């Protein structure tokens, strides 16, 4: 009975790994197909698609009041006020200057 249970668990784990691999492979194939279509598209369409992707990536990097953040500097998107935190984790509050609630993490000039 124990051997059957062990075999069952092994098969379930293998199935999950296979599903993850297939999903990753499909995402890669989808990305490649989009790239091929973009090569055939006119330059304006390609530029627009790249701008949309860059905008989406930028939006994903924005933080909002209530988010828990680590030590660093955070700039209010509305007014440019910079908040500095030294603690390992702090909850962002609305901007003390304009009450804005959207921030971006400032990158260090030293890397």
PDB file of N, CA and C in Angstrom:
ATOM      1  N   UNK A   1       0.838  -1.206   0.000  1.00  0.00           N
ATOM      2  CA  UNK A   1       0.000   0.000   0.000  1.00  0.00           C
ATOM      3  C   UNK A   1       0.876   1.261   0.000  1.00  0.00           C
ATOM      4  N   UNK A   2       1.935   1.244   0.826  1.00  0.00           N
ATOM      5  CA  UNK A   2       2.826   2.397   0.905  1.00  0.00           C
ATOM      6  C   UNK A   2       3.522   2.648  -0.428  1.00  0.00           C
ATOM      7  N   UNK A   3       3.912   1.573  -1.102  1.00  0.00           N
ATOM      8  CA  UNK A   3       4.573   1.719  -2.398  1.00  0.00           C
ATOM      9  C   UNK A   3       3.632   2.328  -3.429  1.00  0.00           C
ATOM     10  N   UNK A   4       2.377   1.950  -3.370  1.00  0.00           N
ATOM     11  CA  UNK A   4       1.385   2.512  -4.291  1.00  0.00           C
ATOM     12  C   UNK A   4       1.198   4.000  -4.005  1.00  0.00           C
ATOM     13  N   UNK A   5       1.146   4.364  -2.714  1.00  0.00           N
ATOM     14  CA  UNK A   5       1.019   5.780  -2.347  1.00  0.00           C
ATOM     15  C   UNK A   5       2.231   6.575  -2.816  1.00  0.00           C
ATOM     16  N   UNK A   6       3.434   6.013  -2.610  1.00  0.00           N
ATOM     17  CA  UNK A   6       4.654   6.693  -3.055  1.00  0.00           C
ATOM     18  C   UNK A   6       4.657   6.866  -4.572  1.00  0.00           C
ATOM     19  N   UNK A   7       4.261   5.824  -5.278  1.00  0.00           N
ATOM     20  CA  UNK A   7       4.204   5.899  -6.735  1.00  0.00           C
ATOM     21  C   UNK A   7       3.196   6.951  -7.177  1.00  0.00           C
ATOM     22  N   UNK A   8       2.056   6.986  -6.497  1.00  0.00           N
ATOM     23  CA  UNK A   8       1.023   7.974  -6.822  1.00  0.00           C
ATOM     24  C   UNK A   8       1.550   9.393  -6.631  1.00  0.00           C
ATOM     25  N   UNK A   9       2.241   9.643  -5.519  1.00  0.00           N
ATOM     26  CA  UNK A   9       2.797  10.977  -5.266  1.00  0.00           C
ATOM     27  C   UNK A   9       3.853  11.336  -6.302  1.00  0.00           C
ATOM     28  N   UNK A  10       4.670  10.371  -6.679  1.00  0.00           N
ATOM     29  CA  UNK A  10       5.699  10.613  -7.691  1.00  0.00           C
ATOM     30  C   UNK A  10       5.066  10.968  -9.029  1.00  0.00           C
ATOM     31  N   UNK A  11       4.009  10.253  -9.392  1.00  0.00           N
ATOM     32  CA  UNK A  11       3.333  10.536 -10.660  1.00  0.00           C
ATOM     33  C   UNK A  11       2.664  11.903 -10.648  1.00  0.00           C
ATOM     34  N   UNK A  12       2.070  12.284  -9.518  1.00  0.00           N
ATOM     35  CA  UNK A  12       1.434  13.602  -9.412  1.00  0.00           C
ATOM     36  C   UNK A  12       2.490  14.695  -9.546  1.00  0.00           C
ATOM     37  N   UNK A  13       3.632  14.526  -8.878  1.00  0.00           N
ATOM     38  CA  UNK A  13       4.705  15.523  -8.967  1.00  0.00           C
ATOM     39  C   UNK A  13       5.229  15.619 -10.399  1.00  0.00           C
ATOM     40  N   UNK A  14       5.392  14.470 -11.054  1.00  0.00           N
ATOM     41  CA  UNK A  14       5.881  14.478 -12.439  1.00  0.00           C
ATOM     42  C   UNK A  14       4.876  15.163 -13.356  1.00  0.00           C
ATOM     43  N   UNK A  15       3.591  14.933 -13.115  1.00  0.00           N
ATOM     44  CA  UNK A  15       2.557  15.570 -13.931  1.00  0.00           C
ATOM     45  C   UNK A  15       2.589  17.088 -13.761  1.00  0.00           C
ATOM     46  N   UNK A  16       2.764  17.553 -12.512  1.00  0.00           N
ATOM     47  CA  UNK A  16       2.826  18.998 -12.266  1.00  0.00           C
ATOM     48  C   UNK A  16       4.038  19.615 -12.948  1.00  0.00           C
ATOM     49  N   UNK A  17       5.187  18.937 -12.867  1.00  0.00           N
ATOM     50  CA  UNK A  17       6.388  19.442 -13.536  1.00  0.00           C
ATOM     51  C   UNK A  17       6.183  19.500 -15.047  1.00  0.00           C
ATOM     52  N   UNK A  18       5.551  18.477 -15.604  1.00  0.00           N
ATOM     53  CA  UNK A  18       5.284  18.449 -17.041  1.00  0.00           C
ATOM     54  C   UNK A  18       4.358  19.592 -17.437  1.00  0.00           C
ATOM     55  N   UNK A  19       3.310  19.849 -16.638  1.00  0.00           N
ATOM     56  CA  UNK A  19       2.389  20.947 -16.930  1.00  0.00           C
ATOM     57  C   UNK A  19       3.117  22.287 -16.904  1.00  0.00           C
ATOM     58  N   UNK A  20       4.003  22.476 -15.919  1.00  0.00           N
ATOM     59  CA  UNK A  20       4.784  23.716 -15.855  1.00  0.00           C
ATOM     60  C   UNK A  20       5.660  23.862 -17.093  1.00  0.00           C
ATOM     61  N   UNK A  21       6.303  22.773 -17.503  1.00  0.00           N
ATOM     62  CA  UNK A  21       7.174  22.814 -18.680  1.00  0.00           C
ATOM     63  C   UNK A  21       6.374  23.159 -19.927  1.00  0.00           C
ATOM     64  N   UNK A  22       5.204  22.529 -20.093  1.00  0.00           N
ATOM     65  CA  UNK A  22       4.372  22.788 -21.269  1.00  0.00           C
ATOM     66  C   UNK A  22       3.921  24.241 -21.278  1.00  0.00           C
ATOM     67  N   UNK A  23       3.514  24.767 -20.113  1.00  0.00           N
ATOM     68  CA  UNK A  23       3.070  26.164 -20.049  1.00  0.00           C
ATOM     69  C   UNK A  23       4.205  27.109 -20.435  1.00  0.00           C
ATOM     70  N   UNK A  24       5.399  26.860 -19.916  1.00  0.00           N
ATOM     71  CA  UNK A  24       6.552  27.692 -20.254  1.00  0.00           C
ATOM     72  C   UNK A  24       6.859  27.603 -21.741  1.00  0.00           C
ATOM     73  N   UNK A  25       6.810  26.399 -22.281  1.00  0.00           N
ATOM     74  CA  UNK A  25       7.086  26.199 -23.696  1.00  0.00           C
ATOM     75  C   UNK A  25       6.055  26.919 -24.564  1.00  0.00           C
ATOM     76  N   UNK A  26       4.787  26.871 -24.174  1.00  0.00           N
ATOM     77  CA  UNK A  26       3.744  27.554 -24.934  1.00  0.00           C
ATOM     78  C   UNK A  26       3.911  29.066 -24.876  1.00  0.00           C
ATOM     79  N   UNK A  27       4.274  29.596 -23.709  1.00  0.00           N
ATOM     80  CA  UNK A  27       4.498  31.037 -23.598  1.00  0.00           C
ATOM     81  C   UNK A  27       5.650  31.473 -24.492  1.00  0.00           C
ATOM     82  N   UNK A  28       6.710  30.668 -24.533  1.00  0.00           N
ATOM     83  CA  UNK A  28       7.845  30.982 -25.390  1.00  0.00           C
ATOM     84  C   UNK A  28       7.430  30.956 -26.857  1.00  0.00           C
ATOM     85  N   UNK A  29       6.668  29.939 -27.247  1.00  0.00           N
ATOM     86  CA  UNK A  29       6.210  29.837 -28.635  1.00  0.00           C
ATOM     87  C   UNK A  29       5.309  31.014 -28.992  1.00  0.00           C
ATOM     88  N   UNK A  30       4.445  31.409 -28.065  1.00  0.00           N
ATOM     89  CA  UNK A  30       3.567  32.562 -28.309  1.00  0.00           C
ATOM     90  C   UNK A  30       4.389  33.829 -28.496  1.00  0.00           C
ATOM     91  N   UNK A  31       5.400  34.012 -27.660  1.00  0.00           N
ATOM     92  CA  UNK A  31       6.270  35.188 -27.773  1.00  0.00           C
ATOM     93  C   UNK A  31       6.989  35.192 -29.124  1.00  0.00           C
ATOM     94  N   UNK A  32       7.478  34.038 -29.539  1.00  0.00           N
ATOM     95  CA  UNK A  32       8.169  33.937 -30.826  1.00  0.00           C
ATOM     96  C   UNK A  32       7.214  34.249 -31.978  1.00  0.00           C
ATOM     97  N   UNK A  33       5.981  33.781 -31.892  1.00  0.00           N
ATOM     98  CA  UNK A  33       5.000  34.042 -32.951  1.00  0.00           C
ATOM     99  C   UNK A  33       4.699  35.532 -33.054  1.00  0.00           C
ATOM    100  N   UNK A  34       4.558  36.191 -31.915  1.00  0.00           N
ATOM    101  CA  UNK A  34       4.300  37.638 -31.917  1.00  0.00           C
ATOM    102  C   UNK A  34       5.487  38.370 -32.524  1.00  0.00           C
ATOM    103  N   UNK A  35       6.695  37.963 -32.174  1.00  0.00           N
ATOM    104  CA  UNK A  35       7.889  38.593 -32.741  1.00  0.00           C
ATOM    105  C   UNK A  35       7.917  38.435 -34.264  1.00  0.00           C
ATOM    106  N   UNK A  36       7.576  37.264 -34.758  1.00  0.00           N
ATOM    107  CA  UNK A  36       7.546  37.049 -36.215  1.00  0.00           C
ATOM    108  C   UNK A  36       6.506  37.937 -36.881  1.00  0.00           C
ATOM    109  N   UNK A  37       5.348  38.069 -36.254  1.00  0.00           N
ATOM    110  CA  UNK A  37       4.303  38.928 -36.826  1.00  0.00           C
ATOM    111  C   UNK A  37       4.740  40.386 -36.817  1.00  0.00           C
ATOM    112  N   UNK A  38       5.436  40.791 -35.765  1.00  0.00           N
ATOM    113  CA  UNK A  38       5.895  42.176 -35.697  1.00  0.00           C
ATOM    114  C   UNK A  38       6.925  42.478 -36.774  1.00  0.00           C
ATOM    115  N   UNK A  39       7.732  41.493 -37.114  1.00  0.00           N
ATOM    116  CA  UNK A  39       8.703  41.701 -38.187  1.00  0.00           C
ATOM    117  C   UNK A  39       8.003  41.972 -39.512  1.00  0.00           C
ATOM    118  N   UNK A  40       6.829  41.374 -39.688  1.00  0.00           N
ATOM    119  CA  UNK A  40       6.077  41.578 -40.926  1.00  0.00           C
ATOM    120  C   UNK A  40       5.229  42.848 -40.879  1.00  0.00           C
ATOM    121  N   UNK A  41       5.009  43.400 -39.702  1.00  0.00           N
ATOM    122  CA  UNK A  41       4.157  44.590 -39.559  1.00  0.00           C
ATOM    123  C   UNK A  41       4.924  45.844 -39.958  1.00  0.00           C
ATOM    124  N   UNK A  42       4.184  46.910 -40.183  1.00  0.00           N
ATOM    125  CA  UNK A  42       4.834  48.169 -40.536  1.00  0.00           C
ATOM    126  C   UNK A  42       5.538  48.748 -39.305  1.00  0.00           C
ATOM    127  N   UNK A  43       6.545  49.607 -39.506  1.00  0.00           N
ATOM    128  CA  UNK A  43       7.325  50.150 -38.392  1.00  0.00           C
ATOM    129  C   UNK A  43       6.484  50.896 -37.352  1.00  0.00           C
ATOM    130  N   UNK A  44       5.448  51.585 -37.774  1.00  0.00           N
ATOM    131  CA  UNK A  44       4.620  52.331 -36.827  1.00  0.00           C
ATOM    132  C   UNK A  44       3.926  51.380 -35.860  1.00  0.00           C
ATOM    133  N   UNK A  45       3.409  50.292 -36.366  1.00  0.00           N
ATOM    134  CA  UNK A  45       2.746  49.303 -35.513  1.00  0.00           C
ATOM    135  C   UNK A  45       3.739  48.688 -34.538  1.00  0.00           C
ATOM    136  N   UNK A  46       4.931  48.365 -35.023  1.00  0.00           N
ATOM    137  CA  UNK A  46       5.959  47.797 -34.138  1.00  0.00           C
ATOM    138  C   UNK A  46       6.312  48.771 -33.033  1.00  0.00           C
ATOM    139  N   UNK A  47       6.504  50.050 -33.392  1.00  0.00           N
ATOM    140  CA  UNK A  47       6.847  51.054 -32.385  1.00  0.00           C
ATOM    141  C   UNK A  47       5.733  51.214 -31.359  1.00  0.00           C
ATOM    142  N   UNK A  48       4.490  51.214 -31.816  1.00  0.00           N
ATOM    143  CA  UNK A  48       3.358  51.334 -30.909  1.00  0.00           C
ATOM    144  C   UNK A  48       3.304  50.146 -29.949  1.00  0.00           C
ATOM    145  N   UNK A  49       3.530  48.944 -30.452  1.00  0.00           N
ATOM    146  CA  UNK A  49       3.527  47.754 -29.598  1.00  0.00           C
ATOM    147  C   UNK A  49       4.630  47.833 -28.546  1.00  0.00           C
ATOM    148  N   UNK A  50       5.806  48.294 -28.941  1.00  0.00           N
ATOM    149  CA  UNK A  50       6.909  48.411 -27.985  1.00  0.00           C
ATOM    150  C   UNK A  50       6.609  49.472 -26.928  1.00  0.00           C
ATOM    151  N   UNK A  51       6.017  50.597 -27.353  1.00  0.00           N
ATOM    152  CA  UNK A  51       5.651  51.637 -26.392  1.00  0.00           C
ATOM    153  C   UNK A  51       4.613  51.128 -25.399  1.00  0.00           C
ATOM    154  N   UNK A  52       3.632  50.375 -25.881  1.00  0.00           N
ATOM    155  CA  UNK A  52       2.623  49.804 -24.984  1.00  0.00           C
ATOM    156  C   UNK A  52       3.265  48.866 -23.968  1.00  0.00           C
ATOM    157  N   UNK A  53       4.221  48.059 -24.428  1.00  0.00           N
ATOM    158  CA  UNK A  53       4.894  47.132 -23.526  1.00  0.00           C
ATOM    159  C   UNK A  53       5.719  47.898 -22.490  1.00  0.00           C
ATOM    160  N   UNK A  54       6.441  48.928 -22.927  1.00  0.00           N
ATOM    161  CA  UNK A  54       7.230  49.730 -21.990  1.00  0.00           C
ATOM    162  C   UNK A  54       6.332  50.406 -20.961  1.00  0.00           C
ATOM    163  N   UNK A  55       5.187  50.931 -21.411  1.00  0.00           N
ATOM    164  CA  UNK A  55       4.248  51.589 -20.503  1.00  0.00           C
ATOM    165  C   UNK A  55       3.725  50.583 -19.469  1.00  0.00           C
ATOM    166  N   UNK A  56       3.383  49.392 -19.921  1.00  0.00           N
ATOM    167  CA  UNK A  56       2.877  48.364 -19.004  1.00  0.00           C
ATOM    168  C   UNK A  56       3.938  47.987 -17.977  1.00  0.00           C
ATOM    169  N   UNK A  57       5.193  47.893 -18.421  1.00  0.00           N
ATOM    170  CA  UNK A  57       6.276  47.570 -17.493  1.00  0.00           C
ATOM    171  C   UNK A  57       6.469  48.682 -16.474  1.00  0.00           C
ATOM    172  N   UNK A  58       6.381  49.941 -16.922  1.00  0.00           N
ATOM    173  CA  UNK A  58       6.509  51.069 -15.994  1.00  0.00           C
ATOM    174  C   UNK A  58       5.372  51.075 -14.986  1.00  0.00           C
ATOM    175  N   UNK A  59       4.150  50.834 -15.447  1.00  0.00           N
ATOM    176  CA  UNK A  59       3.000  50.837 -14.551  1.00  0.00           C
ATOM    177  C   UNK A  59       3.120  49.727 -13.510  1.00  0.00           C
ATOM    178  N   UNK A  60       3.697  48.603 -13.904  1.00  0.00           N
ATOM    179  CA  UNK A  60       3.855  47.487 -12.976  1.00  0.00           C
ATOM    180  C   UNK A  60       4.855  47.822 -11.878  1.00  0.00           C
ATOM    181  N   UNK A  61       5.737  48.785 -12.125  1.00  0.00           N
ATOM    182  CA  UNK A  61       6.747  49.147 -11.144  1.00  0.00           C
ATOM    183  C   UNK A  61       6.269  50.225 -10.180  1.00  0.00           C
ATOM    184  N   UNK A  62       5.077  50.774 -10.387  1.00  0.00           N
ATOM    185  CA  UNK A  62       4.569  51.811  -9.499  1.00  0.00           C
ATOM    186  C   UNK A  62       4.086  51.192  -8.194  1.00  0.00           C
ATOM    187  N   UNK A  63       4.234  51.954  -7.125  1.00  0.00           N
ATOM    188  CA  UNK A  63       3.797  51.530  -5.802  1.00  0.00           C
ATOM    189  C   UNK A  63       2.688  52.461  -5.342  1.00  0.00           C
ATOM    190  N   UNK A  64       1.846  51.986  -4.453  1.00  0.00           N
ATOM    191  CA  UNK A  64       0.714  52.779  -3.980  1.00  0.00           C
ATOM    192  C   UNK A  64       0.734  52.880  -2.464  1.00  0.00           C
ATOM    193  N   UNK A  65       0.119  53.938  -1.931  1.00  0.00           N
ATOM    194  CA  UNK A  65       0.056  54.060  -0.480  1.00  0.00           C
ATOM    195  C   UNK A  65      -0.627  52.808   0.058  1.00  0.00           C
ATOM    196  N   UNK A  66      -0.096  52.325   1.160  1.00  0.00           N
ATOM    197  CA  UNK A  66      -0.568  51.066   1.727  1.00  0.00           C
ATOM    198  C   UNK A  66       0.352  49.907   1.402  1.00  0.00           C
ATOM    199  N   UNK A  67       1.155  50.029   0.316  1.00  0.00           N
ATOM    200  CA  UNK A  67       2.102  48.969  -0.024  1.00  0.00           C
ATOM    201  C   UNK A  67       3.216  48.936   1.018  1.00  0.00           C
ATOM    202  N   UNK A  68       3.701  47.746   1.325  1.00  0.00           N
ATOM    203  CA  UNK A  68       4.831  47.597   2.237  1.00  0.00           C
ATOM    204  C   UNK A  68       6.099  47.611   1.398  1.00  0.00           C
ATOM    205  N   UNK A  69       7.035  48.493   1.766  1.00  0.00           N
ATOM    206  CA  UNK A  69       8.266  48.663   0.990  1.00  0.00           C
ATOM    207  C   UNK A  69       9.476  48.511   1.899  1.00  0.00           C
ATOM    208  N   UNK A  70      10.615  48.287   1.292  1.00  0.00           N
ATOM    209  CA  UNK A  70      11.861  48.174   2.033  1.00  0.00           C
ATOM    210  C   UNK A  70      12.560  49.518   2.122  1.00  0.00           C
ATOM    211  N   UNK A  71      13.746  49.497   2.721  1.00  0.00           N
ATOM    212  CA  UNK A  71      14.526  50.723   2.860  1.00  0.00           C
ATOM    213  C   UNK A  71      14.840  51.290   1.479  1.00  0.00           C
ATOM    214  N   UNK A  72      14.837  52.625   1.376  1.00  0.00           N
ATOM    215  CA  UNK A  72      15.139  53.269   0.110  1.00  0.00           C
ATOM    216  C   UNK A  72      14.414  54.584  -0.033  1.00  0.00           C
ATOM    217  N   UNK A  73      14.501  55.153  -1.239  1.00  0.00           N
ATOM    218  CA  UNK A  73      13.857  56.437  -1.530  1.00  0.00           C
ATOM    219  C   UNK A  73      12.715  56.200  -2.513  1.00  0.00           C
ATOM    220  N   UNK A  74      11.590  56.872  -2.257  1.00  0.00           N
ATOM    221  CA  UNK A  74      10.389  56.723  -3.074  1.00  0.00           C
ATOM    222  C   UNK A  74       9.888  58.099  -3.462  1.00  0.00           C
ATOM    223  N   UNK A  75       9.658  58.303  -4.766  1.00  0.00           N
ATOM    224  CA  UNK A  75       9.239  59.604  -5.287  1.00  0.00           C
ATOM    225  C   UNK A  75       7.745  59.597  -5.564  1.00  0.00           C
ATOM    226  N   UNK A  76       7.055  60.632  -5.069  1.00  0.00           N
ATOM    227  CA  UNK A  76       5.632  60.798  -5.356  1.00  0.00           C
ATOM    228  C   UNK A  76       5.494  61.138  -6.836  1.00  0.00           C
ATOM    229  N   UNK A  77       4.672  60.397  -7.550  1.00  0.00           N
ATOM    230  CA  UNK A  77       4.484  60.624  -8.981  1.00  0.00           C
ATOM    231  C   UNK A  77       3.793  61.962  -9.226  1.00  0.00           C
ATOM    232  N   UNK A  78       2.930  62.393  -8.305  1.00  0.00           N
ATOM    233  CA  UNK A  78       2.162  63.627  -8.496  1.00  0.00           C
ATOM    234  C   UNK A  78       3.001  64.887  -8.347  1.00  0.00           C
ATOM    235  N   UNK A  79       3.810  64.965  -7.274  1.00  0.00           N
ATOM    236  CA  UNK A  79       4.497  66.233  -6.998  1.00  0.00           C
ATOM    237  C   UNK A  79       6.015  66.127  -6.960  1.00  0.00           C
ATOM    238  N   UNK A  80       6.567  64.920  -6.966  1.00  0.00           N
ATOM    239  CA  UNK A  80       8.014  64.767  -6.956  1.00  0.00           C
ATOM    240  C   UNK A  80       8.638  64.719  -5.574  1.00  0.00           C
ATOM    241  N   UNK A  81       7.831  64.825  -4.521  1.00  0.00           N
ATOM    242  CA  UNK A  81       8.349  64.728  -3.149  1.00  0.00           C
ATOM    243  C   UNK A  81       9.011  63.366  -2.971  1.00  0.00           C
ATOM    244  N   UNK A  82      10.185  63.358  -2.332  1.00  0.00           N
ATOM    245  CA  UNK A  82      10.919  62.114  -2.127  1.00  0.00           C
ATOM    246  C   UNK A  82      10.838  61.724  -0.654  1.00  0.00           C
ATOM    247  N   UNK A  83      10.395  60.510  -0.409  1.00  0.00           N
ATOM    248  CA  UNK A  83      10.330  59.971   0.945  1.00  0.00           C
ATOM    249  C   UNK A  83      11.465  58.975   1.109  1.00  0.00           C
ATOM    250  N   UNK A  84      12.174  59.064   2.233  1.00  0.00           N
ATOM    251  CA  UNK A  84      13.293  58.168   2.515  1.00  0.00           C
ATOM    252  C   UNK A  84      12.921  57.265   3.682  1.00  0.00           C
ATOM    253  N   UNK A  85      13.185  55.968   3.530  1.00  0.00           N
ATOM    254  CA  UNK A  85      12.913  55.012   4.594  1.00  0.00           C
ATOM    255  C   UNK A  85      14.179  54.228   4.885  1.00  0.00           C
ATOM    256  N   UNK A  86      14.507  54.100   6.177  1.00  0.00           N
ATOM    257  CA  UNK A  86      15.673  53.329   6.594  1.00  0.00           C
ATOM    258  C   UNK A  86      15.285  51.956   7.133  1.00  0.00           C
ATOM    259  N   UNK A  87      14.024  51.789   7.495  1.00  0.00           N
ATOM    260  CA  UNK A  87      13.562  50.530   8.078  1.00  0.00           C
ATOM    261  C   UNK A  87      13.518  49.436   7.015  1.00  0.00           C
ATOM    262  N   UNK A  88      13.598  48.184   7.476  1.00  0.00           N
ATOM    263  CA  UNK A  88      13.543  47.059   6.544  1.00  0.00           C
ATOM    264  C   UNK A  88      12.210  46.987   5.825  1.00  0.00           C
ATOM    265  N   UNK A  89      11.122  47.282   6.530  1.00  0.00           N
ATOM    266  CA  UNK A  89       9.816  47.297   5.873  1.00  0.00           C
ATOM    267  C   UNK A  89       8.958  48.385   6.493  1.00  0.00           C
ATOM    268  N   UNK A  90       8.358  49.176   5.624  1.00  0.00           N
ATOM    269  CA  UNK A  90       7.524  50.303   6.028  1.00  0.00           C
ATOM    270  C   UNK A  90       6.318  50.339   5.104  1.00  0.00           C
ATOM    271  N   UNK A  91       5.190  50.760   5.634  1.00  0.00           N
ATOM    272  CA  UNK A  91       3.991  50.901   4.815  1.00  0.00           C
ATOM    273  C   UNK A  91       3.968  52.329   4.265  1.00  0.00           C
ATOM    274  N   UNK A  92       3.833  52.456   2.926  1.00  0.00           N
ATOM    275  CA  UNK A  92       3.755  53.781   2.300  1.00  0.00           C
ATOM    276  C   UNK A  92       2.462  54.473   2.716  1.00  0.00           C
ATOM    277  N   UNK A  93       2.579  55.729   3.093  1.00  0.00           N
ATOM    278  CA  UNK A  93       1.422  56.559   3.429  1.00  0.00           C
ATOM    279  C   UNK A  93       1.207  57.559   2.304  1.00  0.00           C
ATOM    280  N   UNK A  94       0.046  58.209   2.235  1.00  0.00           N
ATOM    281  CA  UNK A  94      -0.141  59.257   1.229  1.00  0.00           C
ATOM    282  C   UNK A  94       0.944  60.328   1.368  1.00  0.00           C
ATOM    283  N   UNK A  95       1.300  60.954   0.261  1.00  0.00           N
ATOM    284  CA  UNK A  95       2.348  61.973   0.235  1.00  0.00           C
ATOM    285  C   UNK A  95       2.018  63.077   1.238  1.00  0.00           C
ATOM    286  N   UNK A  96       2.983  63.476   2.071  1.00  0.00           N
ATOM    287  CA  UNK A  96       2.724  64.532   3.050  1.00  0.00           C
ATOM    288  C   UNK A  96       2.537  65.910   2.408  1.00  0.00           C
ATOM    289  N   UNK A  97       2.960  66.084   1.162  1.00  0.00           N
ATOM    290  CA  UNK A  97       2.844  67.381   0.495  1.00  0.00           C
ATOM    291  C   UNK A  97       1.526  67.502  -0.267  1.00  0.00           C
ATOM    292  N   UNK A  98       1.218  66.496  -1.103  1.00  0.00           N
ATOM    293  CA  UNK A  98       0.055  66.626  -1.993  1.00  0.00           C
ATOM    294  C   UNK A  98      -1.020  65.560  -1.765  1.00  0.00           C
ATOM    295  N   UNK A  99      -0.781  64.653  -0.827  1.00  0.00           N
ATOM    296  CA  UNK A  99      -1.686  63.532  -0.542  1.00  0.00           C
ATOM    297  C   UNK A  99      -1.768  62.532  -1.702  1.00  0.00           C
ATOM    298  N   UNK A 100      -0.804  62.607  -2.627  1.00  0.00           N
ATOM    299  CA  UNK A 100      -0.749  61.635  -3.720  1.00  0.00           C
ATOM    300  C   UNK A 100      -0.532  60.233  -3.173  1.00  0.00           C
ATOM    301  N   UNK A 101      -0.991  59.245  -3.905  1.00  0.00           N
ATOM    302  CA  UNK A 101      -0.914  57.871  -3.418  1.00  0.00           C
ATOM    303  C   UNK A 101      -0.118  56.941  -4.322  1.00  0.00           C
ATOM    304  N   UNK A 102       0.562  57.500  -5.330  1.00  0.00           N
ATOM    305  CA  UNK A 102       1.329  56.669  -6.261  1.00  0.00           C
ATOM    306  C   UNK A 102       2.793  57.091  -6.196  1.00  0.00           C
ATOM    307  N   UNK A 103       3.673  56.100  -6.050  1.00  0.00           N
ATOM    308  CA  UNK A 103       5.108  56.352  -5.916  1.00  0.00           C
ATOM    309  C   UNK A 103       5.876  55.490  -6.899  1.00  0.00           C
ATOM    310  N   UNK A 104       7.109  55.922  -7.159  1.00  0.00           N
ATOM    311  CA  UNK A 104       8.039  55.058  -7.883  1.00  0.00           C
ATOM    312  C   UNK A 104       9.311  54.985  -7.048  1.00  0.00           C
ATOM    313  N   UNK A 105       9.900  53.810  -7.009  1.00  0.00           N
ATOM    314  CA  UNK A 105      11.145  53.633  -6.261  1.00  0.00           C
ATOM    315  C   UNK A 105      12.258  54.303  -7.042  1.00  0.00           C
ATOM    316  N   UNK A 106      13.040  55.105  -6.358  1.00  0.00           N
ATOM    317  CA  UNK A 106      14.154  55.794  -7.015  1.00  0.00           C
ATOM    318  C   UNK A 106      15.349  54.854  -7.049  1.00  0.00           C
ATOM    319  N   UNK A 107      15.980  54.799  -8.186  1.00  0.00           N
ATOM    320  CA  UNK A 107      17.155  53.948  -8.356  1.00  0.00           C
ATOM    321  C   UNK A 107      18.387  54.703  -7.886  1.00  0.00           C
ATOM    322  N   UNK A 108      19.289  53.992  -7.287  1.00  0.00           N
ATOM    323  CA  UNK A 108      20.528  54.594  -6.828  1.00  0.00           C
ATOM    324  C   UNK A 108      21.398  54.936  -8.032  1.00  0.00           C
ATOM    325  N   UNK A 109      22.065  56.079  -7.963  1.00  0.00           N
ATOM    326  CA  UNK A 109      22.965  56.473  -9.047  1.00  0.00           C
ATOM    327  C   UNK A 109      24.249  55.658  -8.980  1.00  0.00           C
ATOM    328  N   UNK A 110      24.516  55.051  -7.822  1.00  0.00           N
ATOM    329  CA  UNK A 110      25.723  54.252  -7.644  1.00  0.00           C
ATOM    330  C   UNK A 110      25.347  52.788  -7.775  1.00  0.00           C
ATOM    331  N   UNK A 111      25.883  52.124  -8.810  1.00  0.00           N
ATOM    332  CA  UNK A 111      25.575  50.692  -8.984  1.00  0.00           C
ATOM    333  C   UNK A 111      26.812  49.950  -9.350  1.00  0.00           C
TER     334      UNK A 111
END
